[in-house]
């Protein structure tokens, strides 16, 4: 028996733009980490920058999940329960 693929695609353009902006910022921060390593910078500075990258990526992921969950509940589609369960699973994977 095939497993039904349940998913949600975020439609809120403002949220998509905000998440994309945060990911691009994290991408720049990650590049800075690579340069810092190559330059032989101290561990404290590098770890601080890596922490900023991790926070930016996690915040983007949580924002994506919460915005998707909101859309799912507001739209009231027939598979809302299944999509909500999948989004909760994603949320827990970040915890």
PDB file of N, CA and C in Angstrom:
ATOM      1  N   UNK A   1       0.839  -1.174   0.000  1.00  0.00           N
ATOM      2  CA  UNK A   1       0.000   0.000   0.000  1.00  0.00           C
ATOM      3  C   UNK A   1       0.889   1.244   0.000  1.00  0.00           C
ATOM      4  N   UNK A   2       0.645   2.159  -0.908  1.00  0.00           N
ATOM      5  CA  UNK A   2       1.450   3.374  -1.018  1.00  0.00           C
ATOM      6  C   UNK A   2       1.082   4.355   0.088  1.00  0.00           C
ATOM      7  N   UNK A   3       2.097   5.060   0.587  1.00  0.00           N
ATOM      8  CA  UNK A   3       1.876   6.069   1.608  1.00  0.00           C
ATOM      9  C   UNK A   3       1.469   7.367   0.933  1.00  0.00           C
ATOM     10  N   UNK A   4       0.419   7.972   1.441  1.00  0.00           N
ATOM     11  CA  UNK A   4      -0.068   9.227   0.904  1.00  0.00           C
ATOM     12  C   UNK A   4       0.883  10.352   1.332  1.00  0.00           C
ATOM     13  N   UNK A   5       1.339  11.147   0.369  1.00  0.00           N
ATOM     14  CA  UNK A   5       2.252  12.246   0.661  1.00  0.00           C
ATOM     15  C   UNK A   5       1.439  13.471   1.058  1.00  0.00           C
ATOM     16  N   UNK A   6       1.543  13.865   2.314  1.00  0.00           N
ATOM     17  CA  UNK A   6       0.837  15.025   2.841  1.00  0.00           C
ATOM     18  C   UNK A   6       1.847  16.159   2.951  1.00  0.00           C
ATOM     19  N   UNK A   7       1.523  17.291   2.366  1.00  0.00           N
ATOM     20  CA  UNK A   7       2.429  18.424   2.479  1.00  0.00           C
ATOM     21  C   UNK A   7       1.659  19.730   2.303  1.00  0.00           C
ATOM     22  N   UNK A   8       2.337  20.792   2.610  1.00  0.00           N
ATOM     23  CA  UNK A   8       1.758  22.124   2.466  1.00  0.00           C
ATOM     24  C   UNK A   8       2.797  23.034   1.841  1.00  0.00           C
ATOM     25  N   UNK A   9       2.375  23.857   0.895  1.00  0.00           N
ATOM     26  CA  UNK A   9       3.248  24.844   0.281  1.00  0.00           C
ATOM     27  C   UNK A   9       2.799  26.208   0.775  1.00  0.00           C
ATOM     28  N   UNK A  10       3.703  26.939   1.399  1.00  0.00           N
ATOM     29  CA  UNK A  10       3.382  28.248   1.939  1.00  0.00           C
ATOM     30  C   UNK A  10       2.982  29.193   0.809  1.00  0.00           C
ATOM     31  N   UNK A  11       1.880  29.883   0.998  1.00  0.00           N
ATOM     32  CA  UNK A  11       1.388  30.802  -0.020  1.00  0.00           C
ATOM     33  C   UNK A  11       1.512  32.265   0.357  1.00  0.00           C
ATOM     34  N   UNK A  12       1.809  32.560   1.604  1.00  0.00           N
ATOM     35  CA  UNK A  12       1.896  33.941   2.084  1.00  0.00           C
ATOM     36  C   UNK A  12       3.184  34.580   1.572  1.00  0.00           C
ATOM     37  N   UNK A  13       3.045  35.459   0.584  1.00  0.00           N
ATOM     38  CA  UNK A  13       4.207  36.072  -0.052  1.00  0.00           C
ATOM     39  C   UNK A  13       5.057  36.891   0.929  1.00  0.00           C
ATOM     40  N   UNK A  14       4.425  37.553   1.892  1.00  0.00           N
ATOM     41  CA  UNK A  14       5.182  38.320   2.885  1.00  0.00           C
ATOM     42  C   UNK A  14       6.034  37.405   3.749  1.00  0.00           C
ATOM     43  N   UNK A  15       5.459  36.287   4.166  1.00  0.00           N
ATOM     44  CA  UNK A  15       6.222  35.327   4.975  1.00  0.00           C
ATOM     45  C   UNK A  15       7.343  34.695   4.160  1.00  0.00           C
ATOM     46  N   UNK A  16       7.062  34.382   2.903  1.00  0.00           N
ATOM     47  CA  UNK A  16       8.091  33.802   2.036  1.00  0.00           C
ATOM     48  C   UNK A  16       9.258  34.777   1.900  1.00  0.00           C
ATOM     49  N   UNK A  17       8.955  36.058   1.698  1.00  0.00           N
ATOM     50  CA  UNK A  17      10.002  37.072   1.561  1.00  0.00           C
ATOM     51  C   UNK A  17      10.816  37.198   2.849  1.00  0.00           C
ATOM     52  N   UNK A  18      10.134  37.187   3.995  1.00  0.00           N
ATOM     53  CA  UNK A  18      10.830  37.308   5.280  1.00  0.00           C
ATOM     54  C   UNK A  18      11.725  36.096   5.534  1.00  0.00           C
ATOM     55  N   UNK A  19      11.224  34.921   5.242  1.00  0.00           N
ATOM     56  CA  UNK A  19      12.017  33.694   5.432  1.00  0.00           C
ATOM     57  C   UNK A  19      13.204  33.683   4.485  1.00  0.00           C
ATOM     58  N   UNK A  20      12.981  34.058   3.251  1.00  0.00           N
ATOM     59  CA  UNK A  20      14.057  34.102   2.258  1.00  0.00           C
ATOM     60  C   UNK A  20      15.141  35.087   2.672  1.00  0.00           C
ATOM     61  N   UNK A  21      14.738  36.235   3.176  1.00  0.00           N
ATOM     62  CA  UNK A  21      15.694  37.249   3.640  1.00  0.00           C
ATOM     63  C   UNK A  21      16.550  36.697   4.782  1.00  0.00           C
ATOM     64  N   UNK A  22      15.908  35.995   5.711  1.00  0.00           N
ATOM     65  CA  UNK A  22      16.629  35.430   6.852  1.00  0.00           C
ATOM     66  C   UNK A  22      17.613  34.349   6.392  1.00  0.00           C
ATOM     67  N   UNK A  23      17.208  33.535   5.447  1.00  0.00           N
ATOM     68  CA  UNK A  23      18.082  32.474   4.925  1.00  0.00           C
ATOM     69  C   UNK A  23      19.277  33.083   4.188  1.00  0.00           C
ATOM     70  N   UNK A  24      19.030  34.133   3.421  1.00  0.00           N
ATOM     71  CA  UNK A  24      20.140  34.791   2.719  1.00  0.00           C
ATOM     72  C   UNK A  24      21.122  35.416   3.706  1.00  0.00           C
ATOM     73  N   UNK A  25      20.593  35.965   4.797  1.00  0.00           N
ATOM     74  CA  UNK A  25      21.458  36.518   5.838  1.00  0.00           C
ATOM     75  C   UNK A  25      22.300  35.393   6.458  1.00  0.00           C
ATOM     76  N   UNK A  26      21.679  34.267   6.736  1.00  0.00           N
ATOM     77  CA  UNK A  26      22.398  33.122   7.305  1.00  0.00           C
ATOM     78  C   UNK A  26      23.462  32.617   6.336  1.00  0.00           C
ATOM     79  N   UNK A  27      23.139  32.651   5.059  1.00  0.00           N
ATOM     80  CA  UNK A  27      24.098  32.226   4.041  1.00  0.00           C
ATOM     81  C   UNK A  27      25.335  33.126   4.077  1.00  0.00           C
ATOM     82  N   UNK A  28      25.129  34.417   4.210  1.00  0.00           N
ATOM     83  CA  UNK A  28      26.250  35.348   4.324  1.00  0.00           C
ATOM     84  C   UNK A  28      27.048  35.111   5.592  1.00  0.00           C
ATOM     85  N   UNK A  29      26.349  34.848   6.689  1.00  0.00           N
ATOM     86  CA  UNK A  29      27.030  34.576   7.954  1.00  0.00           C
ATOM     87  C   UNK A  29      27.856  33.300   7.855  1.00  0.00           C
ATOM     88  N   UNK A  30      27.333  32.300   7.159  1.00  0.00           N
ATOM     89  CA  UNK A  30      28.063  31.043   7.008  1.00  0.00           C
ATOM     90  C   UNK A  30      29.327  31.256   6.180  1.00  0.00           C
ATOM     91  N   UNK A  31      29.234  32.098   5.160  1.00  0.00           N
ATOM     92  CA  UNK A  31      30.421  32.455   4.385  1.00  0.00           C
ATOM     93  C   UNK A  31      31.464  33.130   5.261  1.00  0.00           C
ATOM     94  N   UNK A  32      30.986  33.977   6.169  1.00  0.00           N
ATOM     95  CA  UNK A  32      31.897  34.653   7.107  1.00  0.00           C
ATOM     96  C   UNK A  32      32.591  33.637   8.007  1.00  0.00           C
ATOM     97  N   UNK A  33      31.872  32.605   8.414  1.00  0.00           N
ATOM     98  CA  UNK A  33      32.480  31.552   9.242  1.00  0.00           C
ATOM     99  C   UNK A  33      33.616  30.879   8.475  1.00  0.00           C
ATOM    100  N   UNK A  34      33.381  30.556   7.216  1.00  0.00           N
ATOM    101  CA  UNK A  34      34.424  29.909   6.411  1.00  0.00           C
ATOM    102  C   UNK A  34      35.652  30.819   6.295  1.00  0.00           C
ATOM    103  N   UNK A  35      35.424  32.108   6.052  1.00  0.00           N
ATOM    104  CA  UNK A  35      36.550  33.045   5.959  1.00  0.00           C
ATOM    105  C   UNK A  35      37.299  33.142   7.288  1.00  0.00           C
ATOM    106  N   UNK A  36      36.548  33.179   8.379  1.00  0.00           N
ATOM    107  CA  UNK A  36      37.169  33.277   9.702  1.00  0.00           C
ATOM    108  C   UNK A  36      38.064  32.069   9.965  1.00  0.00           C
ATOM    109  N   UNK A  37      37.600  30.880   9.570  1.00  0.00           N
ATOM    110  CA  UNK A  37      38.411  29.675   9.743  1.00  0.00           C
ATOM    111  C   UNK A  37      39.685  29.764   8.919  1.00  0.00           C
ATOM    112  N   UNK A  38      39.532  30.194   7.665  1.00  0.00           N
ATOM    113  CA  UNK A  38      40.687  30.308   6.768  1.00  0.00           C
ATOM    114  C   UNK A  38      41.683  31.349   7.272  1.00  0.00           C
ATOM    115  N   UNK A  39      41.187  32.397   7.918  1.00  0.00           N
ATOM    116  CA  UNK A  39      42.041  33.472   8.429  1.00  0.00           C
ATOM    117  C   UNK A  39      42.668  33.132   9.778  1.00  0.00           C
ATOM    118  N   UNK A  40      42.260  32.017  10.363  1.00  0.00           N
ATOM    119  CA  UNK A  40      42.816  31.617  11.646  1.00  0.00           C
ATOM    120  C   UNK A  40      42.288  32.437  12.815  1.00  0.00           C
ATOM    121  N   UNK A  41      41.047  32.884  12.725  1.00  0.00           N
ATOM    122  CA  UNK A  41      40.453  33.668  13.809  1.00  0.00           C
ATOM    123  C   UNK A  41      40.238  32.778  15.030  1.00  0.00           C
ATOM    124  N   UNK A  42      40.034  33.421  16.181  1.00  0.00           N
ATOM    125  CA  UNK A  42      39.913  32.633  17.410  1.00  0.00           C
ATOM    126  C   UNK A  42      38.559  31.920  17.512  1.00  0.00           C
ATOM    127  N   UNK A  43      38.568  30.861  18.290  1.00  0.00           N
ATOM    128  CA  UNK A  43      37.393  29.994  18.428  1.00  0.00           C
ATOM    129  C   UNK A  43      36.158  30.744  18.930  1.00  0.00           C
ATOM    130  N   UNK A  44      36.344  31.654  19.871  1.00  0.00           N
ATOM    131  CA  UNK A  44      35.204  32.393  20.426  1.00  0.00           C
ATOM    132  C   UNK A  44      34.445  33.139  19.334  1.00  0.00           C
ATOM    133  N   UNK A  45      35.193  33.839  18.490  1.00  0.00           N
ATOM    134  CA  UNK A  45      34.559  34.606  17.405  1.00  0.00           C
ATOM    135  C   UNK A  45      33.848  33.688  16.414  1.00  0.00           C
ATOM    136  N   UNK A  46      34.487  32.590  16.087  1.00  0.00           N
ATOM    137  CA  UNK A  46      33.913  31.656  15.113  1.00  0.00           C
ATOM    138  C   UNK A  46      32.649  31.018  15.664  1.00  0.00           C
ATOM    139  N   UNK A  47      32.705  30.557  16.899  1.00  0.00           N
ATOM    140  CA  UNK A  47      31.535  29.913  17.503  1.00  0.00           C
ATOM    141  C   UNK A  47      30.387  30.907  17.655  1.00  0.00           C
ATOM    142  N   UNK A  48      30.696  32.137  17.990  1.00  0.00           N
ATOM    143  CA  UNK A  48      29.657  33.161  18.089  1.00  0.00           C
ATOM    144  C   UNK A  48      28.961  33.350  16.745  1.00  0.00           C
ATOM    145  N   UNK A  49      29.758  33.398  15.683  1.00  0.00           N
ATOM    146  CA  UNK A  49      29.183  33.549  14.336  1.00  0.00           C
ATOM    147  C   UNK A  49      28.379  32.307  13.951  1.00  0.00           C
ATOM    148  N   UNK A  50      28.882  31.125  14.300  1.00  0.00           N
ATOM    149  CA  UNK A  50      28.155  29.881  13.996  1.00  0.00           C
ATOM    150  C   UNK A  50      26.831  29.839  14.753  1.00  0.00           C
ATOM    151  N   UNK A  51      26.832  30.336  15.961  1.00  0.00           N
ATOM    152  CA  UNK A  51      25.598  30.402  16.743  1.00  0.00           C
ATOM    153  C   UNK A  51      24.576  31.308  16.067  1.00  0.00           C
ATOM    154  N   UNK A  52      25.038  32.418  15.516  1.00  0.00           N
ATOM    155  CA  UNK A  52      24.147  33.333  14.802  1.00  0.00           C
ATOM    156  C   UNK A  52      23.561  32.657  13.569  1.00  0.00           C
ATOM    157  N   UNK A  53      24.365  31.877  12.866  1.00  0.00           N
ATOM    158  CA  UNK A  53      23.884  31.138  11.694  1.00  0.00           C
ATOM    159  C   UNK A  53      22.800  30.148  12.111  1.00  0.00           C
ATOM    160  N   UNK A  54      23.079  29.388  13.151  1.00  0.00           N
ATOM    161  CA  UNK A  54      22.124  28.383  13.618  1.00  0.00           C
ATOM    162  C   UNK A  54      20.808  29.031  14.044  1.00  0.00           C
ATOM    163  N   UNK A  55      20.890  30.141  14.748  1.00  0.00           N
ATOM    164  CA  UNK A  55      19.683  30.829  15.187  1.00  0.00           C
ATOM    165  C   UNK A  55      18.877  31.332  13.995  1.00  0.00           C
ATOM    166  N   UNK A  56      19.552  31.901  13.007  1.00  0.00           N
ATOM    167  CA  UNK A  56      18.863  32.411  11.824  1.00  0.00           C
ATOM    168  C   UNK A  56      18.158  31.288  11.064  1.00  0.00           C
ATOM    169  N   UNK A  57      18.826  30.165  10.905  1.00  0.00           N
ATOM    170  CA  UNK A  57      18.233  29.028  10.184  1.00  0.00           C
ATOM    171  C   UNK A  57      17.061  28.458  10.973  1.00  0.00           C
ATOM    172  N   UNK A  58      17.227  28.285  12.279  1.00  0.00           N
ATOM    173  CA  UNK A  58      16.134  27.757  13.103  1.00  0.00           C
ATOM    174  C   UNK A  58      14.935  28.692  13.120  1.00  0.00           C
ATOM    175  N   UNK A  59      15.190  29.987  13.212  1.00  0.00           N
ATOM    176  CA  UNK A  59      14.090  30.948  13.207  1.00  0.00           C
ATOM    177  C   UNK A  59      13.348  30.895  11.872  1.00  0.00           C
ATOM    178  N   UNK A  60      14.077  30.772  10.777  1.00  0.00           N
ATOM    179  CA  UNK A  60      13.445  30.655   9.463  1.00  0.00           C
ATOM    180  C   UNK A  60      12.579  29.392   9.395  1.00  0.00           C
ATOM    181  N   UNK A  61      13.094  28.297   9.911  1.00  0.00           N
ATOM    182  CA  UNK A  61      12.335  27.045   9.887  1.00  0.00           C
ATOM    183  C   UNK A  61      11.079  27.134  10.749  1.00  0.00           C
ATOM    184  N   UNK A  62      11.211  27.688  11.951  1.00  0.00           N
ATOM    185  CA  UNK A  62      10.045  27.838  12.823  1.00  0.00           C
ATOM    186  C   UNK A  62       9.014  28.778  12.197  1.00  0.00           C
ATOM    187  N   UNK A  63       9.481  29.835  11.557  1.00  0.00           N
ATOM    188  CA  UNK A  63       8.571  30.767  10.891  1.00  0.00           C
ATOM    189  C   UNK A  63       7.835  30.074   9.753  1.00  0.00           C
ATOM    190  N   UNK A  64       8.550  29.279   8.981  1.00  0.00           N
ATOM    191  CA  UNK A  64       7.937  28.529   7.884  1.00  0.00           C
ATOM    192  C   UNK A  64       6.859  27.583   8.402  1.00  0.00           C
ATOM    193  N   UNK A  65       7.181  26.858   9.445  1.00  0.00           N
ATOM    194  CA  UNK A  65       6.223  25.902  10.002  1.00  0.00           C
ATOM    195  C   UNK A  65       5.007  26.626  10.582  1.00  0.00           C
ATOM    196  N   UNK A  66       5.238  27.667  11.352  1.00  0.00           N
ATOM    197  CA  UNK A  66       4.107  28.356  11.984  1.00  0.00           C
ATOM    198  C   UNK A  66       3.221  29.040  10.950  1.00  0.00           C
ATOM    199  N   UNK A  67       3.826  29.645   9.929  1.00  0.00           N
ATOM    200  CA  UNK A  67       3.031  30.285   8.877  1.00  0.00           C
ATOM    201  C   UNK A  67       2.236  29.248   8.098  1.00  0.00           C
ATOM    202  N   UNK A  68       2.842  28.104   7.840  1.00  0.00           N
ATOM    203  CA  UNK A  68       2.152  27.032   7.131  1.00  0.00           C
ATOM    204  C   UNK A  68       1.008  26.473   7.965  1.00  0.00           C
ATOM    205  N   UNK A  69       1.259  26.307   9.247  1.00  0.00           N
ATOM    206  CA  UNK A  69       0.218  25.802  10.145  1.00  0.00           C
ATOM    207  C   UNK A  69      -0.966  26.766  10.188  1.00  0.00           C
ATOM    208  N   UNK A  70      -0.665  28.047  10.260  1.00  0.00           N
ATOM    209  CA  UNK A  70      -1.722  29.063  10.267  1.00  0.00           C
ATOM    210  C   UNK A  70      -2.542  28.987   8.977  1.00  0.00           C
ATOM    211  N   UNK A  71      -1.863  28.919   7.849  1.00  0.00           N
ATOM    212  CA  UNK A  71      -2.577  28.820   6.568  1.00  0.00           C
ATOM    213  C   UNK A  71      -3.437  27.564   6.520  1.00  0.00           C
ATOM    214  N   UNK A  72      -2.879  26.485   6.988  1.00  0.00           N
ATOM    215  CA  UNK A  72      -3.583  25.208   6.969  1.00  0.00           C
ATOM    216  C   UNK A  72      -4.876  25.290   7.769  1.00  0.00           C
ATOM    217  N   UNK A  73      -4.798  25.885   8.939  1.00  0.00           N
ATOM    218  CA  UNK A  73      -5.966  25.979   9.804  1.00  0.00           C
ATOM    219  C   UNK A  73      -6.988  26.979   9.280  1.00  0.00           C
ATOM    220  N   UNK A  74      -6.508  28.072   8.704  1.00  0.00           N
ATOM    221  CA  UNK A  74      -7.413  29.094   8.182  1.00  0.00           C
ATOM    222  C   UNK A  74      -8.110  28.612   6.915  1.00  0.00           C
ATOM    223  N   UNK A  75      -7.371  27.918   6.047  1.00  0.00           N
ATOM    224  CA  UNK A  75      -7.951  27.439   4.792  1.00  0.00           C
ATOM    225  C   UNK A  75      -9.033  26.393   5.028  1.00  0.00           C
ATOM    226  N   UNK A  76      -8.882  25.598   6.077  1.00  0.00           N
ATOM    227  CA  UNK A  76      -9.877  24.585   6.408  1.00  0.00           C
ATOM    228  C   UNK A  76     -10.060  23.521   5.339  1.00  0.00           C
ATOM    229  N   UNK A  77      -8.981  23.133   4.680  1.00  0.00           N
ATOM    230  CA  UNK A  77      -9.067  22.096   3.648  1.00  0.00           C
ATOM    231  C   UNK A  77      -9.357  20.748   4.292  1.00  0.00           C
ATOM    232  N   UNK A  78      -9.778  19.807   3.490  1.00  0.00           N
ATOM    233  CA  UNK A  78     -10.190  18.504   4.005  1.00  0.00           C
ATOM    234  C   UNK A  78      -9.055  17.719   4.648  1.00  0.00           C
ATOM    235  N   UNK A  79      -7.817  17.963   4.263  1.00  0.00           N
ATOM    236  CA  UNK A  79      -6.688  17.220   4.833  1.00  0.00           C
ATOM    237  C   UNK A  79      -5.968  18.007   5.925  1.00  0.00           C
ATOM    238  N   UNK A  80      -6.659  18.962   6.531  1.00  0.00           N
ATOM    239  CA  UNK A  80      -6.047  19.824   7.545  1.00  0.00           C
ATOM    240  C   UNK A  80      -5.415  19.020   8.670  1.00  0.00           C
ATOM    241  N   UNK A  81      -6.100  18.011   9.166  1.00  0.00           N
ATOM    242  CA  UNK A  81      -5.561  17.214  10.270  1.00  0.00           C
ATOM    243  C   UNK A  81      -4.252  16.531   9.883  1.00  0.00           C
ATOM    244  N   UNK A  82      -4.194  15.987   8.671  1.00  0.00           N
ATOM    245  CA  UNK A  82      -2.995  15.302   8.220  1.00  0.00           C
ATOM    246  C   UNK A  82      -1.839  16.289   8.034  1.00  0.00           C
ATOM    247  N   UNK A  83      -2.125  17.427   7.427  1.00  0.00           N
ATOM    248  CA  UNK A  83      -1.085  18.432   7.213  1.00  0.00           C
ATOM    249  C   UNK A  83      -0.614  18.977   8.555  1.00  0.00           C
ATOM    250  N   UNK A  84      -1.548  19.233   9.473  1.00  0.00           N
ATOM    251  CA  UNK A  84      -1.190  19.727  10.802  1.00  0.00           C
ATOM    252  C   UNK A  84      -0.268  18.727  11.497  1.00  0.00           C
ATOM    253  N   UNK A  85      -0.580  17.454  11.415  1.00  0.00           N
ATOM    254  CA  UNK A  85       0.261  16.421  12.028  1.00  0.00           C
ATOM    255  C   UNK A  85       1.660  16.423  11.403  1.00  0.00           C
ATOM    256  N   UNK A  86       1.731  16.574  10.088  1.00  0.00           N
ATOM    257  CA  UNK A  86       3.032  16.612   9.413  1.00  0.00           C
ATOM    258  C   UNK A  86       3.832  17.838   9.838  1.00  0.00           C
ATOM    259  N   UNK A  87       3.168  18.993   9.947  1.00  0.00           N
ATOM    260  CA  UNK A  87       3.862  20.214  10.371  1.00  0.00           C
ATOM    261  C   UNK A  87       4.330  20.112  11.823  1.00  0.00           C
ATOM    262  N   UNK A  88       3.523  19.478  12.656  1.00  0.00           N
ATOM    263  CA  UNK A  88       3.944  19.261  14.040  1.00  0.00           C
ATOM    264  C   UNK A  88       5.179  18.361  14.091  1.00  0.00           C
ATOM    265  N   UNK A  89       5.205  17.361  13.261  1.00  0.00           N
ATOM    266  CA  UNK A  89       6.363  16.452  13.188  1.00  0.00           C
ATOM    267  C   UNK A  89       7.616  17.250  12.773  1.00  0.00           C
ATOM    268  N   UNK A  90       7.466  18.123  11.788  1.00  0.00           N
ATOM    269  CA  UNK A  90       8.581  18.972  11.376  1.00  0.00           C
ATOM    270  C   UNK A  90       9.042  19.865  12.506  1.00  0.00           C
ATOM    271  N   UNK A  91       8.076  20.461  13.212  1.00  0.00           N
ATOM    272  CA  UNK A  91       8.379  21.329  14.346  1.00  0.00           C
ATOM    273  C   UNK A  91       9.200  20.570  15.391  1.00  0.00           C
ATOM    274  N   UNK A  92       8.769  19.382  15.721  1.00  0.00           N
ATOM    275  CA  UNK A  92       9.475  18.579  16.717  1.00  0.00           C
ATOM    276  C   UNK A  92      10.861  18.165  16.263  1.00  0.00           C
ATOM    277  N   UNK A  93      11.047  18.044  14.951  1.00  0.00           N
ATOM    278  CA  UNK A  93      12.382  17.672  14.450  1.00  0.00           C
ATOM    279  C   UNK A  93      13.402  18.783  14.689  1.00  0.00           C
ATOM    280  N   UNK A  94      12.909  20.014  14.911  1.00  0.00           N
ATOM    281  CA  UNK A  94      13.812  21.133  15.188  1.00  0.00           C
ATOM    282  C   UNK A  94      14.119  21.288  16.678  1.00  0.00           C
ATOM    283  N   UNK A  95      13.308  20.669  17.515  1.00  0.00           N
ATOM    284  CA  UNK A  95      13.454  20.833  18.966  1.00  0.00           C
ATOM    285  C   UNK A  95      14.638  20.047  19.503  1.00  0.00           C
TER     286      UNK A  95
END
